[in-house]
Amino acid sequence: MGAVAGIASACISGQMEGILLLGIFLTPALCLAGAICGAVGKRRGWAAIRPLVWATLIGVGLDIFHPLGWSIGGTLGGIITGVLGRSFAGTLRDAVLGTLFGTAGWAIIYSYLFGVFWLLNS
């Protein structure tokens, strides 16, 4: 799944020449993110990871290199979580947490890719 997301994000972001490289390099990071989400989801429930999952899906879908898509995805995931919980205060809290999760997810993926490309250029 991580390889598919990596290749899809390369296609969507317009990095056609780097499709194979991004697909290869993003696979470990996205697989690790999926494993962590699965472990947390098993322990705390789907609602605990929903904002992070939406942030990742929308962030990869819009453009993996820009934080706006990640933040929007996290915010939408938080709103969905709050609405499903039927709590206005919970919706607001989850939207803020989702935005933070989305921004943190972008920073982690961007730092990871920066480190990989730095190692390749060394």
PDB file of N, CA and C in Angstrom:
ATOM      1  N   MET A   1       0.816  -1.181   0.000  1.00  0.00           N
ATOM      2  CA  MET A   1       0.000   0.000   0.000  1.00  0.00           C
ATOM      3  C   MET A   1       0.868   1.255   0.000  1.00  0.00           C
ATOM      4  N   GLY A   2       1.983   1.222   0.739  1.00  0.00           N
ATOM      5  CA  GLY A   2       2.888   2.364   0.775  1.00  0.00           C
ATOM      6  C   GLY A   2       3.476   2.663  -0.587  1.00  0.00           C
ATOM      7  N   ALA A   3       3.804   1.624  -1.356  1.00  0.00           N
ATOM      8  CA  ALA A   3       4.353   1.820  -2.697  1.00  0.00           C
ATOM      9  C   ALA A   3       3.317   2.444  -3.617  1.00  0.00           C
ATOM     10  N   VAL A   4       2.075   1.987  -3.524  1.00  0.00           N
ATOM     11  CA  VAL A   4       1.007   2.540  -4.354  1.00  0.00           C
ATOM     12  C   VAL A   4       0.799   4.016  -4.020  1.00  0.00           C
ATOM     13  N   ALA A   5       0.779   4.339  -2.717  1.00  0.00           N
ATOM     14  CA  ALA A   5       0.607   5.741  -2.313  1.00  0.00           C
ATOM     15  C   ALA A   5       1.783   6.587  -2.772  1.00  0.00           C
ATOM     16  N   GLY A   6       2.982   6.049  -2.702  1.00  0.00           N
ATOM     17  CA  GLY A   6       4.154   6.791  -3.159  1.00  0.00           C
ATOM     18  C   GLY A   6       4.116   7.077  -4.649  1.00  0.00           C
ATOM     19  N   ILE A   7       3.759   6.092  -5.441  1.00  0.00           N
ATOM     20  CA  ILE A   7       3.663   6.284  -6.886  1.00  0.00           C
ATOM     21  C   ILE A   7       2.522   7.229  -7.221  1.00  0.00           C
ATOM     22  N   ALA A   8       1.391   7.078  -6.535  1.00  0.00           N
ATOM     23  CA  ALA A   8       0.254   7.963  -6.783  1.00  0.00           C
ATOM     24  C   ALA A   8       0.604   9.408  -6.441  1.00  0.00           C
ATOM     25  N   SER A   9       1.304   9.622  -5.339  1.00  0.00           N
ATOM     26  CA  SER A   9       1.659  10.987  -4.965  1.00  0.00           C
ATOM     27  C   SER A   9       2.629  11.598  -5.959  1.00  0.00           C
ATOM     28  N   ALA A  10       3.527  10.790  -6.507  1.00  0.00           N
ATOM     29  CA  ALA A  10       4.457  11.305  -7.515  1.00  0.00           C
ATOM     30  C   ALA A  10       3.704  11.703  -8.774  1.00  0.00           C
ATOM     31  N   CYS A  11       2.743  10.900  -9.182  1.00  0.00           N
ATOM     32  CA  CYS A  11       1.941  11.217 -10.373  1.00  0.00           C
ATOM     33  C   CYS A  11       1.146  12.504 -10.163  1.00  0.00           C
ATOM     34  N   ILE A  12       0.491  12.600  -9.030  1.00  0.00           N
ATOM     35  CA  ILE A  12      -0.373  13.743  -8.768  1.00  0.00           C
ATOM     36  C   ILE A  12       0.434  15.024  -8.618  1.00  0.00           C
ATOM     37  N   SER A  13       1.602  14.938  -7.996  1.00  0.00           N
ATOM     38  CA  SER A  13       2.389  16.150  -7.748  1.00  0.00           C
ATOM     39  C   SER A  13       3.144  16.617  -8.986  1.00  0.00           C
ATOM     40  N   GLY A  14       3.040  15.910 -10.079  1.00  0.00           N
ATOM     41  CA  GLY A  14       3.690  16.342 -11.310  1.00  0.00           C
ATOM     42  C   GLY A  14       5.157  15.956 -11.380  1.00  0.00           C
ATOM     43  N   GLN A  15       5.572  15.062 -10.543  1.00  0.00           N
ATOM     44  CA  GLN A  15       6.966  14.631 -10.523  1.00  0.00           C
ATOM     45  C   GLN A  15       7.120  13.375 -11.380  1.00  0.00           C
ATOM     46  N   MET A  16       6.710  13.475 -12.633  1.00  0.00           N
ATOM     47  CA  MET A  16       6.677  12.295 -13.496  1.00  0.00           C
ATOM     48  C   MET A  16       8.050  11.645 -13.651  1.00  0.00           C
ATOM     49  N   GLU A  17       9.104  12.471 -13.705  1.00  0.00           N
ATOM     50  CA  GLU A  17      10.433  11.880 -13.865  1.00  0.00           C
ATOM     51  C   GLU A  17      10.882  11.169 -12.592  1.00  0.00           C
ATOM     52  N   GLY A  18      10.266  11.493 -11.471  1.00  0.00           N
ATOM     53  CA  GLY A  18      10.658  10.880 -10.213  1.00  0.00           C
ATOM     54  C   GLY A  18       9.674   9.845  -9.705  1.00  0.00           C
ATOM     55  N   ILE A  19       8.776   9.393 -10.575  1.00  0.00           N
ATOM     56  CA  ILE A  19       7.736   8.452 -10.140  1.00  0.00           C
ATOM     57  C   ILE A  19       8.345   7.209  -9.497  1.00  0.00           C
ATOM     58  N   LEU A  20       9.296   6.611 -10.127  1.00  0.00           N
ATOM     59  CA  LEU A  20       9.891   5.388  -9.594  1.00  0.00           C
ATOM     60  C   LEU A  20      10.662   5.686  -8.318  1.00  0.00           C
ATOM     61  N   LEU A  21      11.431   6.768  -8.326  1.00  0.00           N
ATOM     62  CA  LEU A  21      12.217   7.101  -7.138  1.00  0.00           C
ATOM     63  C   LEU A  21      11.332   7.432  -5.939  1.00  0.00           C
ATOM     64  N   LEU A  22      10.316   8.274  -6.162  1.00  0.00           N
ATOM     65  CA  LEU A  22       9.422   8.604  -5.055  1.00  0.00           C
ATOM     66  C   LEU A  22       8.655   7.371  -4.589  1.00  0.00           C
ATOM     67  N   GLY A  23       8.247   6.541  -5.515  1.00  0.00           N
ATOM     68  CA  GLY A  23       7.554   5.306  -5.145  1.00  0.00           C
ATOM     69  C   GLY A  23       8.422   4.413  -4.285  1.00  0.00           C
ATOM     70  N   ILE A  24       9.683   4.299  -4.646  1.00  0.00           N
ATOM     71  CA  ILE A  24      10.610   3.464  -3.871  1.00  0.00           C
ATOM     72  C   ILE A  24      10.914   4.094  -2.520  1.00  0.00           C
ATOM     73  N   PHE A  25      11.202   5.397  -2.507  1.00  0.00           N
ATOM     74  CA  PHE A  25      11.633   6.044  -1.268  1.00  0.00           C
ATOM     75  C   PHE A  25      10.494   6.286  -0.286  1.00  0.00           C
ATOM     76  N   LEU A  26       9.280   6.489  -0.781  1.00  0.00           N
ATOM     77  CA  LEU A  26       8.162   6.727   0.123  1.00  0.00           C
ATOM     78  C   LEU A  26       7.576   5.445   0.703  1.00  0.00           C
ATOM     79  N   THR A  27       7.861   4.320   0.069  1.00  0.00           N
ATOM     80  CA  THR A  27       7.289   3.055   0.521  1.00  0.00           C
ATOM     81  C   THR A  27       7.584   2.772   1.998  1.00  0.00           C
ATOM     82  N   PRO A  28       8.837   2.838   2.445  1.00  0.00           N
ATOM     83  CA  PRO A  28       9.077   2.537   3.862  1.00  0.00           C
ATOM     84  C   PRO A  28       8.374   3.513   4.813  1.00  0.00           C
ATOM     85  N   ALA A  29       8.389   4.785   4.487  1.00  0.00           N
ATOM     86  CA  ALA A  29       7.772   5.782   5.369  1.00  0.00           C
ATOM     87  C   ALA A  29       6.258   5.598   5.439  1.00  0.00           C
ATOM     88  N   LEU A  30       5.621   5.400   4.296  1.00  0.00           N
ATOM     89  CA  LEU A  30       4.168   5.248   4.290  1.00  0.00           C
ATOM     90  C   LEU A  30       3.733   3.903   4.879  1.00  0.00           C
ATOM     91  N   CYS A  31       4.547   2.866   4.696  1.00  0.00           N
ATOM     92  CA  CYS A  31       4.237   1.580   5.331  1.00  0.00           C
ATOM     93  C   CYS A  31       4.359   1.688   6.848  1.00  0.00           C
ATOM     94  N   LEU A  32       5.380   2.399   7.319  1.00  0.00           N
ATOM     95  CA  LEU A  32       5.540   2.612   8.753  1.00  0.00           C
ATOM     96  C   LEU A  32       4.375   3.423   9.307  1.00  0.00           C
ATOM     97  N   ALA A  33       3.972   4.457   8.586  1.00  0.00           N
ATOM     98  CA  ALA A  33       2.824   5.260   9.027  1.00  0.00           C
ATOM     99  C   ALA A  33       1.562   4.395   9.099  1.00  0.00           C
ATOM    100  N   GLY A  34       1.368   3.537   8.107  1.00  0.00           N
ATOM    101  CA  GLY A  34       0.210   2.639   8.115  1.00  0.00           C
ATOM    102  C   GLY A  34       0.254   1.651   9.274  1.00  0.00           C
ATOM    103  N   ALA A  35       1.431   1.136   9.565  1.00  0.00           N
ATOM    104  CA  ALA A  35       1.573   0.194  10.678  1.00  0.00           C
ATOM    105  C   ALA A  35       1.296   0.876  12.016  1.00  0.00           C
ATOM    106  N   ILE A  36       1.794   2.095  12.171  1.00  0.00           N
ATOM    107  CA  ILE A  36       1.556   2.842  13.411  1.00  0.00           C
ATOM    108  C   ILE A  36       0.067   3.150  13.556  1.00  0.00           C
ATOM    109  N   CYS A  37      -0.552   3.597  12.467  1.00  0.00           N
ATOM    110  CA  CYS A  37      -1.990   3.883  12.507  1.00  0.00           C
ATOM    111  C   CYS A  37      -2.782   2.629  12.839  1.00  0.00           C
ATOM    112  N   GLY A  38      -2.400   1.505  12.283  1.00  0.00           N
ATOM    113  CA  GLY A  38      -3.083   0.247  12.571  1.00  0.00           C
ATOM    114  C   GLY A  38      -2.948  -0.153  14.032  1.00  0.00           C
ATOM    115  N   ALA A  39      -1.746   0.002  14.585  1.00  0.00           N
ATOM    116  CA  ALA A  39      -1.533  -0.354  15.989  1.00  0.00           C
ATOM    117  C   ALA A  39      -2.313   0.572  16.924  1.00  0.00           C
ATOM    118  N   VAL A  40      -2.270   1.878  16.641  1.00  0.00           N
ATOM    119  CA  VAL A  40      -3.010   2.829  17.478  1.00  0.00           C
ATOM    120  C   VAL A  40      -4.513   2.613  17.311  1.00  0.00           C
ATOM    121  N   GLY A  41      -4.955   2.366  16.076  1.00  0.00           N
ATOM    122  CA  GLY A  41      -6.365   2.120  15.819  1.00  0.00           C
ATOM    123  C   GLY A  41      -6.875   0.871  16.531  1.00  0.00           C
ATOM    124  N   LYS A  42      -6.049  -0.152  16.589  1.00  0.00           N
ATOM    125  CA  LYS A  42      -6.441  -1.380  17.275  1.00  0.00           C
ATOM    126  C   LYS A  42      -6.580  -1.141  18.777  1.00  0.00           C
ATOM    127  N   ARG A  43      -5.692  -0.314  19.298  1.00  0.00           N
ATOM    128  CA  ARG A  43      -5.680  -0.075  20.737  1.00  0.00           C
ATOM    129  C   ARG A  43      -6.712   0.967  21.176  1.00  0.00           C
ATOM    130  N   ARG A  44      -6.835   2.068  20.396  1.00  0.00           N
ATOM    131  CA  ARG A  44      -7.681   3.197  20.819  1.00  0.00           C
ATOM    132  C   ARG A  44      -8.934   3.371  19.988  1.00  0.00           C
ATOM    133  N   GLY A  45      -9.023   2.667  18.860  1.00  0.00           N
ATOM    134  CA  GLY A  45     -10.204   2.787  18.013  1.00  0.00           C
ATOM    135  C   GLY A  45      -9.938   3.660  16.786  1.00  0.00           C
ATOM    136  N   TRP A  46     -10.789   3.493  15.805  1.00  0.00           N
ATOM    137  CA  TRP A  46     -10.656   4.178  14.523  1.00  0.00           C
ATOM    138  C   TRP A  46     -10.726   5.701  14.681  1.00  0.00           C
ATOM    139  N   ALA A  47     -11.560   6.169  15.598  1.00  0.00           N
ATOM    140  CA  ALA A  47     -11.738   7.614  15.772  1.00  0.00           C
ATOM    141  C   ALA A  47     -10.447   8.301  16.196  1.00  0.00           C
ATOM    142  N   ALA A  48      -9.567   7.599  16.884  1.00  0.00           N
ATOM    143  CA  ALA A  48      -8.312   8.196  17.345  1.00  0.00           C
ATOM    144  C   ALA A  48      -7.366   8.509  16.198  1.00  0.00           C
ATOM    145  N   ILE A  49      -7.433   7.741  15.118  1.00  0.00           N
ATOM    146  CA  ILE A  49      -6.502   7.951  14.012  1.00  0.00           C
ATOM    147  C   ILE A  49      -7.148   8.539  12.766  1.00  0.00           C
ATOM    148  N   ARG A  50      -8.457   8.724  12.792  1.00  0.00           N
ATOM    149  CA  ARG A  50      -9.159   9.220  11.609  1.00  0.00           C
ATOM    150  C   ARG A  50      -8.571  10.533  11.075  1.00  0.00           C
ATOM    151  N   PRO A  51      -8.284  11.550  11.918  1.00  0.00           N
ATOM    152  CA  PRO A  51      -7.703  12.788  11.373  1.00  0.00           C
ATOM    153  C   PRO A  51      -6.360  12.561  10.679  1.00  0.00           C
ATOM    154  N   LEU A  52      -5.534  11.690  11.245  1.00  0.00           N
ATOM    155  CA  LEU A  52      -4.235  11.413  10.631  1.00  0.00           C
ATOM    156  C   LEU A  52      -4.383  10.678   9.302  1.00  0.00           C
ATOM    157  N   VAL A  53      -5.324   9.754   9.246  1.00  0.00           N
ATOM    158  CA  VAL A  53      -5.565   9.012   8.002  1.00  0.00           C
ATOM    159  C   VAL A  53      -6.051   9.965   6.911  1.00  0.00           C
ATOM    160  N   TRP A  54      -7.021  10.837   7.240  1.00  0.00           N
ATOM    161  CA  TRP A  54      -7.506  11.798   6.255  1.00  0.00           C
ATOM    162  C   TRP A  54      -6.408  12.768   5.839  1.00  0.00           C
ATOM    163  N   ALA A  55      -5.586  13.202   6.793  1.00  0.00           N
ATOM    164  CA  ALA A  55      -4.482  14.113   6.466  1.00  0.00           C
ATOM    165  C   ALA A  55      -3.524  13.456   5.482  1.00  0.00           C
ATOM    166  N   THR A  56      -3.221  12.184   5.702  1.00  0.00           N
ATOM    167  CA  THR A  56      -2.310  11.470   4.806  1.00  0.00           C
ATOM    168  C   THR A  56      -2.932  11.277   3.430  1.00  0.00           C
ATOM    169  N   LEU A  57      -4.176  10.833   3.387  1.00  0.00           N
ATOM    170  CA  LEU A  57      -4.831  10.597   2.094  1.00  0.00           C
ATOM    171  C   LEU A  57      -4.956  11.890   1.279  1.00  0.00           C
ATOM    172  N   ILE A  58      -5.446  12.939   1.905  1.00  0.00           N
ATOM    173  CA  ILE A  58      -5.633  14.192   1.166  1.00  0.00           C
ATOM    174  C   ILE A  58      -4.292  14.847   0.890  1.00  0.00           C
ATOM    175  N   GLY A  59      -3.341  14.742   1.827  1.00  0.00           N
ATOM    176  CA  GLY A  59      -2.008  15.306   1.599  1.00  0.00           C
ATOM    177  C   GLY A  59      -1.306  14.662   0.415  1.00  0.00           C
ATOM    178  N   VAL A  60      -1.382  13.334   0.337  1.00  0.00           N
ATOM    179  CA  VAL A  60      -0.785  12.621  -0.795  1.00  0.00           C
ATOM    180  C   VAL A  60      -1.565  12.932  -2.070  1.00  0.00           C
ATOM    181  N   GLY A  61      -2.892  13.028  -1.943  1.00  0.00           N
ATOM    182  CA  GLY A  61      -3.733  13.281  -3.115  1.00  0.00           C
ATOM    183  C   GLY A  61      -3.544  14.662  -3.704  1.00  0.00           C
ATOM    184  N   LEU A  62      -3.407  15.678  -2.859  1.00  0.00           N
ATOM    185  CA  LEU A  62      -3.253  17.040  -3.388  1.00  0.00           C
ATOM    186  C   LEU A  62      -1.831  17.292  -3.878  1.00  0.00           C
ATOM    187  N   ASP A  63      -0.888  17.141  -3.012  1.00  0.00           N
ATOM    188  CA  ASP A  63       0.521  17.284  -3.385  1.00  0.00           C
ATOM    189  C   ASP A  63       1.342  17.010  -2.144  1.00  0.00           C
ATOM    190  N   ILE A  64       2.158  16.006  -2.211  1.00  0.00           N
ATOM    191  CA  ILE A  64       2.882  15.549  -1.030  1.00  0.00           C
ATOM    192  C   ILE A  64       3.895  16.568  -0.524  1.00  0.00           C
ATOM    193  N   PHE A  65       4.288  17.527  -1.368  1.00  0.00           N
ATOM    194  CA  PHE A  65       5.322  18.477  -0.975  1.00  0.00           C
ATOM    195  C   PHE A  65       4.784  19.749  -0.340  1.00  0.00           C
ATOM    196  N   HIS A  66       3.482  19.954  -0.323  1.00  0.00           N
ATOM    197  CA  HIS A  66       2.917  21.196   0.194  1.00  0.00           C
ATOM    198  C   HIS A  66       2.113  20.936   1.461  1.00  0.00           C
ATOM    199  N   PRO A  67       2.342  21.716   2.514  1.00  0.00           N
ATOM    200  CA  PRO A  67       1.673  21.474   3.788  1.00  0.00           C
ATOM    201  C   PRO A  67       0.178  21.788   3.771  1.00  0.00           C
ATOM    202  N   LEU A  68      -0.276  22.602   2.831  1.00  0.00           N
ATOM    203  CA  LEU A  68      -1.679  22.991   2.813  1.00  0.00           C
ATOM    204  C   LEU A  68      -2.605  21.778   2.657  1.00  0.00           C
ATOM    205  N   GLY A  69      -2.281  20.888   1.742  1.00  0.00           N
ATOM    206  CA  GLY A  69      -3.105  19.690   1.548  1.00  0.00           C
ATOM    207  C   GLY A  69      -3.137  18.819   2.791  1.00  0.00           C
ATOM    208  N   TRP A  70      -1.998  18.676   3.448  1.00  0.00           N
ATOM    209  CA  TRP A  70      -1.927  17.883   4.671  1.00  0.00           C
ATOM    210  C   TRP A  70      -2.771  18.527   5.771  1.00  0.00           C
ATOM    211  N   SER A  71      -2.678  19.845   5.895  1.00  0.00           N
ATOM    212  CA  SER A  71      -3.444  20.547   6.929  1.00  0.00           C
ATOM    213  C   SER A  71      -4.943  20.474   6.652  1.00  0.00           C
ATOM    214  N   ILE A  72      -5.319  20.666   5.396  1.00  0.00           N
ATOM    215  CA  ILE A  72      -6.736  20.568   5.025  1.00  0.00           C
ATOM    216  C   ILE A  72      -7.251  19.152   5.298  1.00  0.00           C
ATOM    217  N   GLY A  73      -6.469  18.160   4.944  1.00  0.00           N
ATOM    218  CA  GLY A  73      -6.867  16.776   5.186  1.00  0.00           C
ATOM    219  C   GLY A  73      -7.060  16.479   6.668  1.00  0.00           C
ATOM    220  N   GLY A  74      -6.131  16.952   7.485  1.00  0.00           N
ATOM    221  CA  GLY A  74      -6.262  16.749   8.928  1.00  0.00           C
ATOM    222  C   GLY A  74      -7.468  17.463   9.504  1.00  0.00           C
ATOM    223  N   THR A  75      -7.711  18.683   9.026  1.00  0.00           N
ATOM    224  CA  THR A  75      -8.867  19.442   9.494  1.00  0.00           C
ATOM    225  C   THR A  75     -10.162  18.728   9.122  1.00  0.00           C
ATOM    226  N   LEU A  76     -10.253  18.275   7.863  1.00  0.00           N
ATOM    227  CA  LEU A  76     -11.455  17.540   7.434  1.00  0.00           C
ATOM    228  C   LEU A  76     -11.633  16.252   8.226  1.00  0.00           C
ATOM    229  N   GLY A  77     -10.539  15.556   8.463  1.00  0.00           N
ATOM    230  CA  GLY A  77     -10.620  14.335   9.264  1.00  0.00           C
ATOM    231  C   GLY A  77     -11.097  14.618  10.682  1.00  0.00           C
ATOM    232  N   GLY A  78     -10.613  15.711  11.270  1.00  0.00           N
ATOM    233  CA  GLY A  78     -11.066  16.093  12.605  1.00  0.00           C
ATOM    234  C   GLY A  78     -12.533  16.470  12.628  1.00  0.00           C
ATOM    235  N   ILE A  79     -12.976  17.199  11.604  1.00  0.00           N
ATOM    236  CA  ILE A  79     -14.388  17.581  11.527  1.00  0.00           C
ATOM    237  C   ILE A  79     -15.267  16.344  11.376  1.00  0.00           C
ATOM    238  N   ILE A  80     -14.861  15.428  10.521  1.00  0.00           N
ATOM    239  CA  ILE A  80     -15.629  14.188  10.334  1.00  0.00           C
ATOM    240  C   ILE A  80     -15.703  13.417  11.650  1.00  0.00           C
ATOM    241  N   THR A  81     -14.581  13.328  12.352  1.00  0.00           N
ATOM    242  CA  THR A  81     -14.557  12.628  13.637  1.00  0.00           C
ATOM    243  C   THR A  81     -15.495  13.287  14.639  1.00  0.00           C
ATOM    244  N   GLY A  82     -15.460  14.623  14.710  1.00  0.00           N
ATOM    245  CA  GLY A  82     -16.324  15.339  15.647  1.00  0.00           C
ATOM    246  C   GLY A  82     -17.795  15.227  15.307  1.00  0.00           C
ATOM    247  N   VAL A  83     -18.117  15.319  14.018  1.00  0.00           N
ATOM    248  CA  VAL A  83     -19.519  15.212  13.597  1.00  0.00           C
ATOM    249  C   VAL A  83     -20.056  13.811  13.904  1.00  0.00           C
ATOM    250  N   LEU A  84     -19.245  12.803  13.645  1.00  0.00           N
ATOM    251  CA  LEU A  84     -19.678  11.438  13.954  1.00  0.00           C
ATOM    252  C   LEU A  84     -19.845  11.226  15.462  1.00  0.00           C
ATOM    253  N   GLY A  85     -19.074  11.992  16.250  1.00  0.00           N
ATOM    254  CA  GLY A  85     -19.211  11.917  17.701  1.00  0.00           C
ATOM    255  C   GLY A  85     -20.353  12.767  18.225  1.00  0.00           C
ATOM    256  N   ARG A  86     -20.969  13.565  17.348  1.00  0.00           N
ATOM    257  CA  ARG A  86     -22.126  14.413  17.677  1.00  0.00           C
ATOM    258  C   ARG A  86     -21.839  15.387  18.811  1.00  0.00           C
ATOM    259  N   SER A  87     -20.666  16.015  18.729  1.00  0.00           N
ATOM    260  CA  SER A  87     -20.299  16.970  19.758  1.00  0.00           C
ATOM    261  C   SER A  87     -19.659  18.183  19.096  1.00  0.00           C
ATOM    262  N   PHE A  88     -20.223  19.387  19.348  1.00  0.00           N
ATOM    263  CA  PHE A  88     -19.660  20.594  18.753  1.00  0.00           C
ATOM    264  C   PHE A  88     -18.269  20.872  19.316  1.00  0.00           C
ATOM    265  N   ALA A  89     -18.121  20.765  20.635  1.00  0.00           N
ATOM    266  CA  ALA A  89     -16.810  20.988  21.256  1.00  0.00           C
ATOM    267  C   ALA A  89     -15.808  19.945  20.769  1.00  0.00           C
ATOM    268  N   GLY A  90     -16.282  18.708  20.639  1.00  0.00           N
ATOM    269  CA  GLY A  90     -15.409  17.650  20.123  1.00  0.00           C
ATOM    270  C   GLY A  90     -15.014  17.894  18.679  1.00  0.00           C
ATOM    271  N   THR A  91     -15.941  18.448  17.896  1.00  0.00           N
ATOM    272  CA  THR A  91     -15.644  18.754  16.498  1.00  0.00           C
ATOM    273  C   THR A  91     -14.559  19.810  16.406  1.00  0.00           C
ATOM    274  N   LEU A  92     -14.686  20.852  17.198  1.00  0.00           N
ATOM    275  CA  LEU A  92     -13.682  21.917  17.195  1.00  0.00           C
ATOM    276  C   LEU A  92     -12.329  21.388  17.659  1.00  0.00           C
ATOM    277  N   ARG A  93     -12.323  20.624  18.743  1.00  0.00           N
ATOM    278  CA  ARG A  93     -11.084  20.053  19.262  1.00  0.00           C
ATOM    279  C   ARG A  93     -10.440  19.120  18.235  1.00  0.00           C
ATOM    280  N   ASP A  94     -11.249  18.259  17.636  1.00  0.00           N
ATOM    281  CA  ASP A  94     -10.720  17.306  16.663  1.00  0.00           C
ATOM    282  C   ASP A  94     -10.232  18.001  15.397  1.00  0.00           C
ATOM    283  N   ALA A  95     -10.878  19.086  14.995  1.00  0.00           N
ATOM    284  CA  ALA A  95     -10.420  19.839  13.826  1.00  0.00           C
ATOM    285  C   ALA A  95      -9.049  20.455  14.085  1.00  0.00           C
ATOM    286  N   VAL A  96      -8.864  21.008  15.272  1.00  0.00           N
ATOM    287  CA  VAL A  96      -7.559  21.596  15.622  1.00  0.00           C
ATOM    288  C   VAL A  96      -6.494  20.506  15.708  1.00  0.00           C
ATOM    289  N   LEU A  97      -6.830  19.399  16.379  1.00  0.00           N
ATOM    290  CA  LEU A  97      -5.878  18.286  16.459  1.00  0.00           C
ATOM    291  C   LEU A  97      -5.558  17.726  15.076  1.00  0.00           C
ATOM    292  N   GLY A  98      -6.575  17.610  14.230  1.00  0.00           N
ATOM    293  CA  GLY A  98      -6.359  17.115  12.871  1.00  0.00           C
ATOM    294  C   GLY A  98      -5.441  18.021  12.077  1.00  0.00           C
ATOM    295  N   THR A  99      -5.609  19.326  12.232  1.00  0.00           N
ATOM    296  CA  THR A  99      -4.722  20.278  11.553  1.00  0.00           C
ATOM    297  C   THR A  99      -3.289  20.096  12.027  1.00  0.00           C
ATOM    298  N   LEU A 100      -3.119  19.931  13.327  1.00  0.00           N
ATOM    299  CA  LEU A 100      -1.777  19.705  13.872  1.00  0.00           C
ATOM    300  C   LEU A 100      -1.191  18.379  13.388  1.00  0.00           C
ATOM    301  N   PHE A 101      -2.025  17.331  13.367  1.00  0.00           N
ATOM    302  CA  PHE A 101      -1.565  16.040  12.850  1.00  0.00           C
ATOM    303  C   PHE A 101      -1.161  16.151  11.381  1.00  0.00           C
ATOM    304  N   GLY A 102      -1.969  16.852  10.604  1.00  0.00           N
ATOM    305  CA  GLY A 102      -1.661  17.024   9.184  1.00  0.00           C
ATOM    306  C   GLY A 102      -0.363  17.760   8.955  1.00  0.00           C
ATOM    307  N   THR A 103      -0.163  18.840   9.691  1.00  0.00           N
ATOM    308  CA  THR A 103       1.071  19.616   9.557  1.00  0.00           C
ATOM    309  C   THR A 103       2.269  18.796  10.009  1.00  0.00           C
ATOM    310  N   ALA A 104       2.109  18.054  11.095  1.00  0.00           N
ATOM    311  CA  ALA A 104       3.200  17.200  11.571  1.00  0.00           C
ATOM    312  C   ALA A 104       3.498  16.086  10.569  1.00  0.00           C
ATOM    313  N   GLY A 105       2.459  15.516   9.968  1.00  0.00           N
ATOM    314  CA  GLY A 105       2.666  14.482   8.955  1.00  0.00           C
ATOM    315  C   GLY A 105       3.439  14.995   7.760  1.00  0.00           C
ATOM    316  N   TRP A 106       3.086  16.201   7.310  1.00  0.00           N
ATOM    317  CA  TRP A 106       3.832  16.808   6.201  1.00  0.00           C
ATOM    318  C   TRP A 106       5.288  17.011   6.587  1.00  0.00           C
ATOM    319  N   ALA A 107       5.530  17.536   7.795  1.00  0.00           N
ATOM    320  CA  ALA A 107       6.905  17.802   8.229  1.00  0.00           C
ATOM    321  C   ALA A 107       7.719  16.511   8.309  1.00  0.00           C
ATOM    322  N   ILE A 108       7.093  15.451   8.780  1.00  0.00           N
ATOM    323  CA  ILE A 108       7.805  14.176   8.887  1.00  0.00           C
ATOM    324  C   ILE A 108       8.134  13.619   7.509  1.00  0.00           C
ATOM    325  N   ILE A 109       7.163  13.596   6.609  1.00  0.00           N
ATOM    326  CA  ILE A 109       7.405  13.065   5.258  1.00  0.00           C
ATOM    327  C   ILE A 109       8.415  13.936   4.510  1.00  0.00           C
ATOM    328  N   TYR A 110       8.268  15.256   4.623  1.00  0.00           N
ATOM    329  CA  TYR A 110       9.186  16.163   3.932  1.00  0.00           C
ATOM    330  C   TYR A 110      10.603  16.005   4.471  1.00  0.00           C
ATOM    331  N   SER A 111      10.743  15.883   5.792  1.00  0.00           N
ATOM    332  CA  SER A 111      12.067  15.681   6.392  1.00  0.00           C
ATOM    333  C   SER A 111      12.655  14.353   5.974  1.00  0.00           C
ATOM    334  N   TYR A 112      11.807  13.332   5.920  1.00  0.00           N
ATOM    335  CA  TYR A 112      12.257  12.010   5.491  1.00  0.00           C
ATOM    336  C   TYR A 112      12.791  12.061   4.053  1.00  0.00           C
ATOM    337  N   LEU A 113      12.010  12.663   3.157  1.00  0.00           N
ATOM    338  CA  LEU A 113      12.451  12.764   1.760  1.00  0.00           C
ATOM    339  C   LEU A 113      13.709  13.623   1.626  1.00  0.00           C
ATOM    340  N   PHE A 114      13.779  14.702   2.381  1.00  0.00           N
ATOM    341  CA  PHE A 114      14.970  15.553   2.358  1.00  0.00           C
ATOM    342  C   PHE A 114      16.194  14.748   2.784  1.00  0.00           C
ATOM    343  N   GLY A 115      16.038  13.945   3.841  1.00  0.00           N
ATOM    344  CA  GLY A 115      17.146  13.120   4.306  1.00  0.00           C
ATOM    345  C   GLY A 115      17.565  12.069   3.289  1.00  0.00           C
ATOM    346  N   VAL A 116      16.590  11.439   2.644  1.00  0.00           N
ATOM    347  CA  VAL A 116      16.911  10.422   1.631  1.00  0.00           C
ATOM    348  C   VAL A 116      17.653  11.059   0.462  1.00  0.00           C
ATOM    349  N   PHE A 117      17.148  12.180  -0.033  1.00  0.00           N
ATOM    350  CA  PHE A 117      17.806  12.829  -1.170  1.00  0.00           C
ATOM    351  C   PHE A 117      19.162  13.406  -0.789  1.00  0.00           C
ATOM    352  N   TRP A 118      19.312  13.845   0.452  1.00  0.00           N
ATOM    353  CA  TRP A 118      20.605  14.323   0.913  1.00  0.00           C
ATOM    354  C   TRP A 118      21.615  13.182   0.936  1.00  0.00           C
ATOM    355  N   LEU A 119      21.183  12.011   1.413  1.00  0.00           N
ATOM    356  CA  LEU A 119      22.064  10.840   1.423  1.00  0.00           C
ATOM    357  C   LEU A 119      22.465  10.430   0.005  1.00  0.00           C
ATOM    358  N   LEU A 120      21.522  10.525  -0.924  1.00  0.00           N
ATOM    359  CA  LEU A 120      21.830  10.156  -2.312  1.00  0.00           C
ATOM    360  C   LEU A 120      22.812  11.119  -2.951  1.00  0.00           C
ATOM    361  N   ASN A 121      22.768  12.386  -2.553  1.00  0.00           N
ATOM    362  CA  ASN A 121      23.657  13.385  -3.142  1.00  0.00           C
ATOM    363  C   ASN A 121      25.007  13.456  -2.451  1.00  0.00           C
ATOM    364  N   SER A 122      25.154  12.781  -1.327  1.00  0.00           N
ATOM    365  CA  SER A 122      26.433  12.819  -0.582  1.00  0.00           C
ATOM    366  C   SER A 122      27.466  11.916  -1.214  1.00  0.00           C
TER     367      SER A 122
END
